[in-house]
Amino acid sequence: MGTSAREMAAATPAGRDRYIDLLRVASLGTVVLGHWLMAVVDTTGGSASVGNLLAVVPWLQPLTWLFQIMPVFFFVGGFSHALAYRSLSRRCPEGSPYALFLRARLQRLLRPTLAFIAVWAVLALLVQLAGADGGVTGIALRLVTQPLWFIGVYLAVIALTPPLLRLHERYGWLAFGALVAAAGAVDLARFALGVPHAAFLNFAFVWLAVHQLGFLRADGRIRFPAALAAAGLAGAAALVAWGPYPLSMVGMPGEKVSNMAPPTLALLCHGLWLVGAVELLRGAGDRLTRRAGVWRAVVAANGIAMTAFLWHLTALLGVYGALLAAGVRLPEPASAAWWAQAPPRIAAAVLLTAVLVALFRRFERPAALRPSGGGAPGSGPVAALGITLALLGVLGLSMVGLGGLLEGRSALLVAVPVTAPAAVAMVLAGLLLVERAGRSGPGSPRRPPLLTMADGD
């Protein structure tokens, strides 16, 4: 029987940084709300198509400088990963904590992800066999896996946490500066020198740099958040004003350059601005989370955050599908009628997401780990191979989607064609390797339930 949110909240250690947990919930919640607002289904042409509100109403794009908050999630992850890996290292003085560290995080990320993939794979096969994979259904098969890119990239930063944490402990801000310089060099090679495929390196450098800020936060080394916010905001503004960077901090359909895919130096500066801003609000956030009701809500939300993230687009597409099936006329995107319909549409998406979370939240509960002193010798490389396969599989599935399963549809992943079944096989193989490596030693240290609630994974 699981521990309730009320019990976990009551058992919170006095020294726990509650603000970090609040930031994790707030960042994922903002992403979900942003997706619900930005996704517009247009039927004015006679058939359903999905567009982006920011493309329909370009003057809304500056709002992405406030609400493109994904960098905060990576920042929170860096903080939590530093604490978790150091804790494991102290409790595993004679063994390698790496495989155990990866196993704990993959359980929290991939168990709910695989449940999501399994359900949608079955649905995809059924609708294709029935010949009903057109219209909104076909759009859904293409779109629902796209947010998985985030999980793939996040798996990469988890895999690189131990070596980058060592660099942080030795060089501090210089390690962070090296990642920023690398991101700038990639953009120089991309825009000034036209080096093919160089831009994709910034999927690593940009997100790792923001993650590295979490290490600095864990050691109390972000002492001037106002300066960090000002430098980031000024840098992003200068790059957008005088460089080849677009105004929007989220990807826009049809644009030649995106700040998100691949990430750019402008997005990294945006991340600095956001990190500085949330650090400036730290005092107020700490006081807020000291309220018993608020803290119970944060604890409860952290226990379902990944499940809600995985299923929120399913809920939105379900709402739109129900409206179309009921013959409800969808207003023109961004019209007065569209804005009037937005609140009840989002409320319906919230309710449907709650139903889906109730059905699938069990997969987000971390499995108990056996007490031990560490992983066996050689378990680290096996775990590293496993997480590499898993992240490549998740990224591949985010690109190819679940449409065209029977036709063997593929997409290019690092210049290699990958199909959806192959991507799922890579995820499963990776998870099994990490599980094997994490169990290869005498066992794994047990963590109290509260610490599994919001480690940023």
Protein backbone atom coordinates (compact mmCIF):
# COMPACT_ATOMS: atom_id res chain seq x y z
CA MET A 1 0.00 0.00 0.00
CA GLY A 2 1.51 3.33 -1.03
CA THR A 3 2.24 6.24 1.24
CA SER A 4 -0.34 9.03 0.93
CA ALA A 5 0.58 12.59 0.01
CA ARG A 6 -0.60 13.74 3.45
CA GLU A 7 1.73 11.24 5.17
CA MET A 8 4.65 12.17 2.94
CA ALA A 9 4.05 15.86 3.54
CA ALA A 10 3.92 15.31 7.30
CA ALA A 11 7.20 13.34 7.17
CA THR A 12 9.12 16.05 5.29
CA PRO A 13 12.61 16.55 6.76
CA ALA A 14 13.17 20.01 8.16
CA GLY A 15 16.10 20.65 5.84
CA ARG A 16 14.35 19.73 2.59
CA ASP A 17 14.37 22.43 -0.07
CA ARG A 18 10.63 22.63 -0.71
CA TYR A 19 11.00 25.42 -3.25
CA ILE A 20 12.75 23.02 -5.63
CA ASP A 21 9.73 20.70 -5.48
CA LEU A 22 7.44 23.65 -6.15
CA LEU A 23 9.53 24.65 -9.18
CA ARG A 24 9.33 21.15 -10.60
CA VAL A 25 5.54 21.11 -10.39
CA ALA A 26 5.20 24.69 -11.66
CA SER A 27 7.50 24.14 -14.65
CA LEU A 28 5.74 21.00 -15.89
CA GLY A 29 2.34 22.55 -15.18
CA THR A 30 3.26 25.62 -17.24
CA VAL A 31 4.40 23.40 -20.13
CA VAL A 32 1.11 21.50 -20.06
CA LEU A 33 -0.99 24.66 -19.96
CA GLY A 34 1.11 26.18 -22.75
CA HIS A 35 0.51 23.16 -24.98
CA TRP A 36 -3.22 23.29 -24.32
CA LEU A 37 -3.33 26.96 -25.26
CA MET A 38 -1.02 26.81 -28.27
CA ALA A 39 -2.56 23.81 -30.02
CA VAL A 40 -5.36 24.92 -32.35
CA VAL A 41 -7.49 22.60 -34.47
CA ASP A 42 -8.71 24.31 -37.63
CA THR A 43 -11.57 22.90 -39.71
CA THR A 44 -12.22 25.96 -41.88
CA GLY A 45 -10.63 24.25 -44.88
CA GLY A 46 -13.02 21.33 -44.73
CA SER A 47 -10.60 18.93 -43.00
CA ALA A 48 -9.02 19.06 -39.57
CA SER A 49 -5.50 20.39 -39.20
CA VAL A 50 -3.47 21.27 -36.11
CA GLY A 51 -1.65 24.58 -35.90
CA ASN A 52 0.07 26.83 -33.39
CA LEU A 53 -1.69 29.81 -31.83
CA LEU A 54 1.60 31.74 -31.82
CA ALA A 55 1.76 31.45 -35.61
CA VAL A 56 -1.84 32.66 -35.92
CA VAL A 57 -1.26 35.56 -33.50
CA PRO A 58 2.45 36.49 -33.80
CA TRP A 59 2.21 39.33 -31.29
CA LEU A 60 1.78 36.68 -28.56
CA GLN A 61 5.29 35.34 -29.18
CA PRO A 62 6.99 37.62 -26.59
CA LEU A 63 5.01 35.74 -23.93
CA THR A 64 7.28 32.75 -24.57
CA TRP A 65 10.02 34.72 -22.76
CA LEU A 66 8.00 34.15 -19.60
CA PHE A 67 6.23 30.86 -20.25
CA GLN A 68 8.86 28.77 -22.08
CA ILE A 69 9.88 27.41 -18.73
CA MET A 70 11.43 24.05 -19.66
CA PRO A 71 14.93 25.32 -18.69
CA VAL A 72 13.69 25.57 -15.09
CA PHE A 73 12.93 21.84 -15.09
CA PHE A 74 16.49 21.03 -16.20
CA PHE A 75 17.83 23.42 -13.55
CA VAL A 76 15.77 21.65 -10.87
CA GLY A 77 16.99 18.32 -12.22
CA GLY A 78 20.63 19.37 -11.86
CA PHE A 79 20.06 20.34 -8.23
CA SER A 80 18.29 17.08 -7.38
CA HIS A 81 20.69 14.85 -9.31
CA ALA A 82 23.69 16.36 -7.52
CA LEU A 83 22.15 15.65 -4.11
CA ALA A 84 20.97 12.15 -5.07
CA TYR A 85 24.27 11.04 -6.63
CA ARG A 86 26.30 12.35 -3.70
CA SER A 87 23.99 10.58 -1.26
CA LEU A 88 24.40 7.30 -3.14
CA SER A 89 28.18 7.77 -3.23
CA ARG A 90 28.29 8.19 0.54
CA ARG A 91 26.18 5.06 1.06
CA CYS A 92 28.12 3.00 -1.49
CA PRO A 93 31.76 3.62 -0.48
CA GLU A 94 32.91 0.23 -1.77
CA GLY A 95 30.83 -0.02 -4.93
CA SER A 96 29.91 1.99 -8.01
CA PRO A 97 26.75 4.06 -7.46
CA TYR A 98 26.38 4.84 -11.18
CA ALA A 99 24.20 1.86 -12.15
CA LEU A 100 22.05 2.32 -9.05
CA PHE A 101 21.65 6.02 -9.80
CA LEU A 102 20.54 5.32 -13.38
CA ARG A 103 18.22 2.52 -12.34
CA ALA A 104 16.33 4.68 -9.87
CA ARG A 105 15.81 7.42 -12.45
CA LEU A 106 14.87 5.16 -15.33
CA GLN A 107 12.21 3.52 -13.20
CA ARG A 108 10.60 6.90 -12.53
CA LEU A 109 10.84 8.02 -16.16
CA LEU A 110 10.50 4.92 -18.31
CA ARG A 111 7.89 2.88 -16.44
CA PRO A 112 5.14 5.50 -17.02
CA THR A 113 6.55 6.21 -20.50
CA LEU A 114 6.38 2.56 -21.54
CA ALA A 115 2.81 2.30 -20.25
CA PHE A 116 1.92 5.34 -22.37
CA ILE A 117 3.66 3.88 -25.43
CA ALA A 118 2.00 0.48 -25.01
CA VAL A 119 -1.50 1.93 -24.86
CA TRP A 120 -0.95 4.17 -27.86
CA ALA A 121 0.75 1.40 -29.88
CA VAL A 122 -2.29 -0.84 -29.43
CA LEU A 123 -4.62 2.03 -30.38
CA ALA A 124 -2.48 2.81 -33.43
CA LEU A 125 -2.64 -0.78 -34.66
CA LEU A 126 -6.39 -0.99 -34.11
CA VAL A 127 -7.22 2.23 -35.95
CA GLN A 128 -4.91 1.32 -38.83
CA LEU A 129 -6.44 -2.14 -39.16
CA ALA A 130 -9.85 -0.47 -39.19
CA GLY A 131 -8.69 2.04 -41.80
CA ALA A 132 -9.60 4.92 -39.51
CA ASP A 133 -6.18 6.56 -39.26
CA GLY A 134 -7.21 9.77 -40.99
CA GLY A 135 -8.42 13.15 -39.73
CA VAL A 136 -7.93 13.91 -36.06
CA THR A 137 -6.96 10.28 -35.38
CA GLY A 138 -4.07 10.45 -37.85
CA ILE A 139 -3.00 13.77 -36.35
CA ALA A 140 -3.08 12.24 -32.88
CA LEU A 141 -0.88 9.31 -33.92
CA ARG A 142 1.67 11.79 -35.20
CA LEU A 143 1.54 14.29 -32.35
CA VAL A 144 1.19 12.35 -29.10
CA THR A 145 4.77 11.09 -29.13
CA GLN A 146 6.40 14.44 -29.92
CA PRO A 147 6.79 15.52 -26.25
CA LEU A 148 8.93 12.41 -25.72
CA TRP A 149 11.91 14.39 -27.04
CA PHE A 150 12.08 15.97 -23.59
CA ILE A 151 12.38 12.58 -21.87
CA GLY A 152 15.10 11.50 -24.32
CA VAL A 153 17.19 14.62 -23.72
CA TYR A 154 16.58 14.40 -19.99
CA LEU A 155 17.88 10.82 -19.99
CA ALA A 156 21.05 12.14 -21.63
CA VAL A 157 21.69 14.72 -18.91
CA ILE A 158 21.04 12.05 -16.26
CA ALA A 159 23.58 9.77 -17.91
CA LEU A 160 26.20 12.54 -17.90
CA THR A 161 25.51 13.72 -14.34
CA PRO A 162 28.45 11.92 -12.63
CA PRO A 163 31.28 13.17 -14.91
CA LEU A 164 29.86 16.68 -15.11
CA LEU A 165 29.36 16.76 -11.35
CA ARG A 166 33.05 15.92 -10.94
CA LEU A 167 33.95 18.75 -13.32
CA HIS A 168 31.71 21.07 -11.33
CA GLU A 169 33.35 20.07 -8.05
CA ARG A 170 36.76 20.80 -9.52
CA TYR A 171 36.10 23.90 -11.62
CA GLY A 172 32.77 25.37 -10.43
CA TRP A 173 31.59 28.22 -12.64
CA LEU A 174 34.36 27.47 -15.16
CA ALA A 175 32.73 24.13 -16.01
CA PHE A 176 29.46 25.93 -16.66
CA GLY A 177 31.30 28.57 -18.71
CA ALA A 178 32.88 25.87 -20.86
CA LEU A 179 29.44 24.51 -21.77
CA VAL A 180 28.21 28.02 -22.62
CA ALA A 181 31.29 28.55 -24.81
CA ALA A 182 30.67 25.21 -26.52
CA ALA A 183 27.05 26.20 -27.25
CA GLY A 184 28.28 29.49 -28.73
CA ALA A 185 30.85 27.68 -30.85
CA VAL A 186 28.18 25.37 -32.21
CA ASP A 187 26.00 28.32 -33.24
CA LEU A 188 29.02 29.97 -34.86
CA ALA A 189 29.70 26.82 -36.85
CA ARG A 190 26.00 26.59 -37.74
CA PHE A 191 25.24 30.14 -38.79
CA ALA A 192 28.59 31.60 -39.82
CA LEU A 193 30.40 28.58 -41.24
CA GLY A 194 27.45 26.46 -42.38
CA VAL A 195 28.84 23.24 -40.89
CA PRO A 196 26.27 20.50 -41.61
CA HIS A 197 24.53 18.96 -38.61
CA ALA A 198 26.64 20.93 -36.11
CA ALA A 199 23.47 22.46 -34.64
CA PHE A 200 22.39 19.13 -33.14
CA LEU A 201 25.31 19.23 -30.69
CA ASN A 202 23.42 21.95 -28.84
CA PHE A 203 20.83 19.44 -27.74
CA ALA A 204 23.63 18.46 -25.38
CA PHE A 205 25.49 21.69 -24.65
CA VAL A 206 22.48 23.97 -24.04
CA TRP A 207 20.55 21.61 -21.77
CA LEU A 208 23.70 20.44 -19.96
CA ALA A 209 24.63 24.06 -19.24
CA VAL A 210 21.24 24.75 -17.63
CA HIS A 211 21.52 21.44 -15.75
CA GLN A 212 24.97 22.55 -14.53
CA LEU A 213 23.37 25.61 -12.96
CA GLY A 214 21.49 23.18 -10.74
CA PHE A 215 24.84 21.85 -9.45
CA LEU A 216 25.85 25.42 -8.61
CA ARG A 217 22.54 25.94 -6.81
CA ALA A 218 23.08 22.74 -4.80
CA ASP A 219 26.38 24.15 -3.52
CA GLY A 220 24.97 27.60 -2.79
CA ARG A 221 27.06 29.25 -5.50
CA ILE A 222 24.35 31.31 -7.25
CA ARG A 223 24.88 34.35 -5.05
CA PHE A 224 23.79 37.10 -7.44
CA PRO A 225 20.59 35.91 -9.14
CA ALA A 226 19.66 39.44 -10.26
CA ALA A 227 22.92 39.70 -12.19
CA LEU A 228 22.35 36.26 -13.73
CA ALA A 229 18.81 37.20 -14.78
CA ALA A 230 19.92 40.55 -16.22
CA ALA A 231 22.83 39.01 -18.13
CA GLY A 232 20.60 36.28 -19.57
CA LEU A 233 17.84 38.68 -20.56
CA ALA A 234 20.27 41.13 -22.14
CA GLY A 235 22.06 38.34 -23.99
CA ALA A 236 18.85 36.84 -25.36
CA ALA A 237 17.56 40.28 -26.42
CA ALA A 238 20.83 41.12 -28.19
CA LEU A 239 20.97 37.79 -30.01
CA VAL A 240 17.38 38.09 -31.21
CA ALA A 241 17.80 41.77 -32.19
CA TRP A 242 21.09 41.42 -34.10
CA GLY A 243 21.49 37.72 -34.75
CA PRO A 244 19.75 35.04 -36.81
CA TYR A 245 17.53 34.01 -33.91
CA PRO A 246 13.70 34.18 -33.95
CA LEU A 247 11.68 36.00 -31.31
CA SER A 248 9.75 32.96 -30.12
CA MET A 249 11.44 30.71 -27.55
CA VAL A 250 9.32 27.77 -28.73
CA GLY A 251 9.36 26.18 -32.16
CA MET A 252 7.10 27.66 -34.81
CA PRO A 253 5.70 25.76 -37.81
CA GLY A 254 7.53 26.51 -41.04
CA GLU A 255 10.20 28.78 -39.57
CA LYS A 256 13.70 28.44 -40.96
CA VAL A 257 15.40 28.70 -37.54
CA SER A 258 13.99 27.47 -34.25
CA ASN A 259 15.36 28.34 -30.84
CA MET A 260 14.19 24.96 -29.53
CA ALA A 261 15.00 22.30 -32.09
CA PRO A 262 17.95 22.33 -32.10
CA PRO A 263 18.43 24.62 -29.09
CA THR A 264 20.38 27.83 -29.63
CA LEU A 265 22.57 30.15 -27.62
CA ALA A 266 19.54 32.46 -27.43
CA LEU A 267 17.57 29.73 -25.64
CA LEU A 268 20.49 29.22 -23.26
CA CYS A 269 20.48 32.94 -22.44
CA HIS A 270 16.73 32.65 -21.92
CA GLY A 271 17.44 29.82 -19.48
CA LEU A 272 19.87 32.03 -17.53
CA TRP A 273 17.20 34.72 -17.29
CA LEU A 274 14.64 32.24 -15.99
CA VAL A 275 17.00 30.68 -13.45
CA GLY A 276 17.95 34.09 -12.13
CA ALA A 277 14.28 35.07 -11.95
CA VAL A 278 13.16 31.99 -10.02
CA GLU A 279 16.09 32.39 -7.64
CA LEU A 280 14.99 35.95 -6.94
CA LEU A 281 11.59 34.52 -5.96
CA ARG A 282 13.12 31.90 -3.70
CA GLY A 283 12.21 33.60 -0.42
CA ALA A 284 8.57 34.01 -1.36
CA GLY A 285 8.46 30.43 -2.66
CA ASP A 286 9.92 29.07 0.56
CA ARG A 287 7.33 30.91 2.61
CA LEU A 288 4.52 29.67 0.36
CA THR A 289 5.56 26.02 0.67
CA ARG A 290 5.62 26.30 4.48
CA ARG A 291 1.82 26.43 4.36
CA ALA A 292 0.53 22.95 5.12
CA GLY A 293 -2.14 22.92 2.40
CA VAL A 294 0.21 24.21 -0.28
CA TRP A 295 2.89 21.70 0.63
CA ARG A 296 0.45 18.77 0.55
CA ALA A 297 -0.63 19.90 -2.93
CA VAL A 298 3.00 20.10 -4.08
CA VAL A 299 3.74 16.62 -2.72
CA ALA A 300 0.67 15.17 -4.40
CA ALA A 301 1.42 16.88 -7.73
CA ASN A 302 5.04 15.69 -7.72
CA GLY A 303 3.80 12.13 -7.42
CA ILE A 304 1.84 12.35 -10.69
CA ALA A 305 3.75 15.01 -12.64
CA MET A 306 5.31 12.73 -15.25
CA THR A 307 2.09 10.82 -15.82
CA ALA A 308 0.17 14.06 -16.35
CA PHE A 309 2.86 15.32 -18.75
CA LEU A 310 2.73 12.13 -20.82
CA TRP A 311 -1.07 12.10 -21.16
CA HIS A 312 -1.96 15.79 -21.40
CA LEU A 313 -1.90 15.92 -25.22
CA THR A 314 -3.99 12.75 -25.35
CA ALA A 315 -6.57 14.53 -23.20
CA LEU A 316 -6.59 17.64 -25.39
CA LEU A 317 -6.92 15.65 -28.61
CA GLY A 318 -9.67 13.62 -26.95
CA VAL A 319 -11.58 16.81 -26.20
CA TYR A 320 -11.21 18.07 -29.76
CA GLY A 321 -12.16 14.64 -31.12
CA ALA A 322 -15.30 14.57 -28.96
CA LEU A 323 -16.29 18.04 -30.15
CA LEU A 324 -15.90 17.05 -33.80
CA ALA A 325 -17.73 13.76 -33.29
CA ALA A 326 -20.61 15.63 -31.63
CA GLY A 327 -20.83 17.96 -34.63
CA VAL A 328 -19.76 21.02 -32.66
CA ARG A 329 -18.51 23.74 -34.98
CA LEU A 330 -14.98 24.77 -34.06
CA PRO A 331 -14.53 28.54 -34.29
CA GLU A 332 -11.74 30.08 -36.32
CA PRO A 333 -8.49 29.99 -34.29
CA ALA A 334 -7.82 33.16 -32.27
CA SER A 335 -11.28 34.56 -33.02
CA ALA A 336 -13.45 35.93 -30.21
CA ALA A 337 -15.50 32.74 -30.27
CA TRP A 338 -12.31 30.65 -30.04
CA TRP A 339 -11.13 32.56 -26.96
CA ALA A 340 -14.58 32.20 -25.39
CA GLN A 341 -14.45 28.44 -25.96
CA ALA A 342 -10.91 28.12 -24.53
CA PRO A 343 -11.79 27.99 -20.79
CA PRO A 344 -14.36 25.17 -21.03
CA ARG A 345 -12.13 23.32 -23.50
CA ILE A 346 -9.16 23.48 -21.11
CA ALA A 347 -11.39 22.55 -18.16
CA ALA A 348 -12.49 19.45 -20.08
CA ALA A 349 -8.83 18.63 -20.83
CA VAL A 350 -8.03 18.96 -17.12
CA LEU A 351 -10.82 16.55 -16.21
CA LEU A 352 -9.81 14.01 -18.86
CA THR A 353 -6.16 14.27 -17.80
CA ALA A 354 -7.24 13.60 -14.21
CA VAL A 355 -9.03 10.44 -15.35
CA LEU A 356 -5.96 9.27 -17.28
CA VAL A 357 -3.70 10.03 -14.32
CA ALA A 358 -5.97 8.00 -12.03
CA LEU A 359 -5.68 5.06 -14.45
CA PHE A 360 -1.92 5.19 -15.02
CA ARG A 361 -0.36 6.84 -11.96
CA ARG A 362 0.60 3.43 -10.53
CA PHE A 363 3.41 3.23 -13.11
CA GLU A 364 5.03 6.36 -11.72
CA ARG A 365 5.46 4.92 -8.24
CA PRO A 366 9.12 4.03 -7.75
CA ALA A 367 9.87 0.39 -7.04
CA ALA A 368 11.48 -0.45 -3.72
CA LEU A 369 15.25 -0.93 -3.93
CA ARG A 370 17.07 -3.54 -1.86
CA PRO A 371 19.49 -2.29 0.79
CA SER A 372 23.13 -2.69 -0.20
CA GLY A 373 26.57 -1.20 -0.47
CA GLY A 374 26.75 -0.54 -4.20
CA GLY A 375 26.84 -1.94 -7.72
CA ALA A 376 29.20 -4.66 -8.87
CA PRO A 377 32.45 -3.87 -10.73
CA GLY A 378 31.73 -3.42 -14.42
CA SER A 379 28.10 -2.49 -13.89
CA GLY A 380 28.75 1.14 -14.90
CA PRO A 381 29.52 0.50 -18.60
CA VAL A 382 26.52 -1.82 -18.90
CA ALA A 383 24.27 0.83 -17.38
CA ALA A 384 25.77 3.50 -19.66
CA LEU A 385 25.03 1.35 -22.72
CA GLY A 386 21.51 0.77 -21.45
CA ILE A 387 20.65 4.42 -20.92
CA THR A 388 22.15 5.28 -24.32
CA LEU A 389 19.86 2.76 -26.02
CA ALA A 390 16.89 4.02 -24.02
CA LEU A 391 17.42 7.69 -24.84
CA LEU A 392 17.99 6.97 -28.54
CA GLY A 393 14.83 4.86 -28.61
CA VAL A 394 12.74 7.54 -26.94
CA LEU A 395 14.11 10.23 -29.27
CA GLY A 396 13.47 8.00 -32.28
CA LEU A 397 9.87 7.40 -31.25
CA SER A 398 9.31 11.13 -30.72
CA MET A 399 10.40 11.67 -34.33
CA VAL A 400 8.65 8.82 -36.14
CA GLY A 401 5.37 8.79 -34.20
CA LEU A 402 2.94 5.87 -34.18
CA GLY A 403 1.29 6.44 -37.55
CA GLY A 404 2.14 4.09 -40.40
CA LEU A 405 3.06 1.15 -38.17
CA LEU A 406 1.83 -1.39 -40.73
CA GLU A 407 3.70 0.36 -43.55
CA GLY A 408 7.01 0.45 -41.65
CA ARG A 409 7.21 4.23 -41.57
CA SER A 410 10.64 5.47 -40.45
CA ALA A 411 12.44 8.66 -39.49
CA LEU A 412 16.12 9.57 -39.42
CA LEU A 413 17.79 9.36 -36.02
CA VAL A 414 21.44 10.47 -36.19
CA ALA A 415 21.40 9.66 -39.92
CA VAL A 416 20.01 6.14 -39.30
CA PRO A 417 16.40 5.27 -40.28
CA VAL A 418 14.39 4.03 -37.30
CA THR A 419 10.86 2.65 -37.16
CA ALA A 420 8.52 2.84 -34.19
CA PRO A 421 8.89 -0.89 -33.32
CA ALA A 422 12.68 -0.58 -33.48
CA ALA A 423 12.58 2.50 -31.23
CA VAL A 424 10.42 0.71 -28.65
CA ALA A 425 12.76 -2.28 -28.75
CA MET A 426 15.70 0.02 -28.01
CA VAL A 427 13.89 1.52 -25.02
CA LEU A 428 13.04 -1.91 -23.62
CA ALA A 429 16.56 -3.25 -24.18
CA GLY A 430 18.05 -0.17 -22.54
CA LEU A 431 15.78 -0.42 -19.52
CA LEU A 432 16.59 -4.13 -19.09
CA LEU A 433 20.33 -3.46 -19.26
CA VAL A 434 20.12 -0.74 -16.63
CA GLU A 435 17.93 -2.93 -14.43
CA ARG A 436 20.44 -5.76 -14.76
CA ALA A 437 23.38 -3.50 -13.97
CA GLY A 438 21.58 -1.97 -11.00
CA ARG A 439 20.82 -5.42 -9.58
CA SER A 440 24.23 -6.93 -10.31
CA GLY A 441 25.72 -5.95 -6.97
CA PRO A 442 24.69 -7.05 -3.50
CA GLY A 443 21.68 -4.74 -3.86
CA SER A 444 20.66 -1.11 -3.82
CA PRO A 445 20.22 1.37 -1.02
CA ARG A 446 16.66 1.98 0.09
CA ARG A 447 15.44 5.56 0.11
CA PRO A 448 12.64 6.84 2.30
CA PRO A 449 9.39 7.42 0.35
CA LEU A 450 9.59 11.22 0.49
CA LEU A 451 12.93 11.28 -1.31
CA THR A 452 11.45 9.44 -4.27
CA MET A 453 8.74 12.06 -4.58
CA ALA A 454 10.60 14.78 -6.44
CA ASP A 455 14.19 14.04 -7.23
CA GLY A 456 13.79 15.98 -10.48
CA ASP A 457 13.53 12.81 -12.56
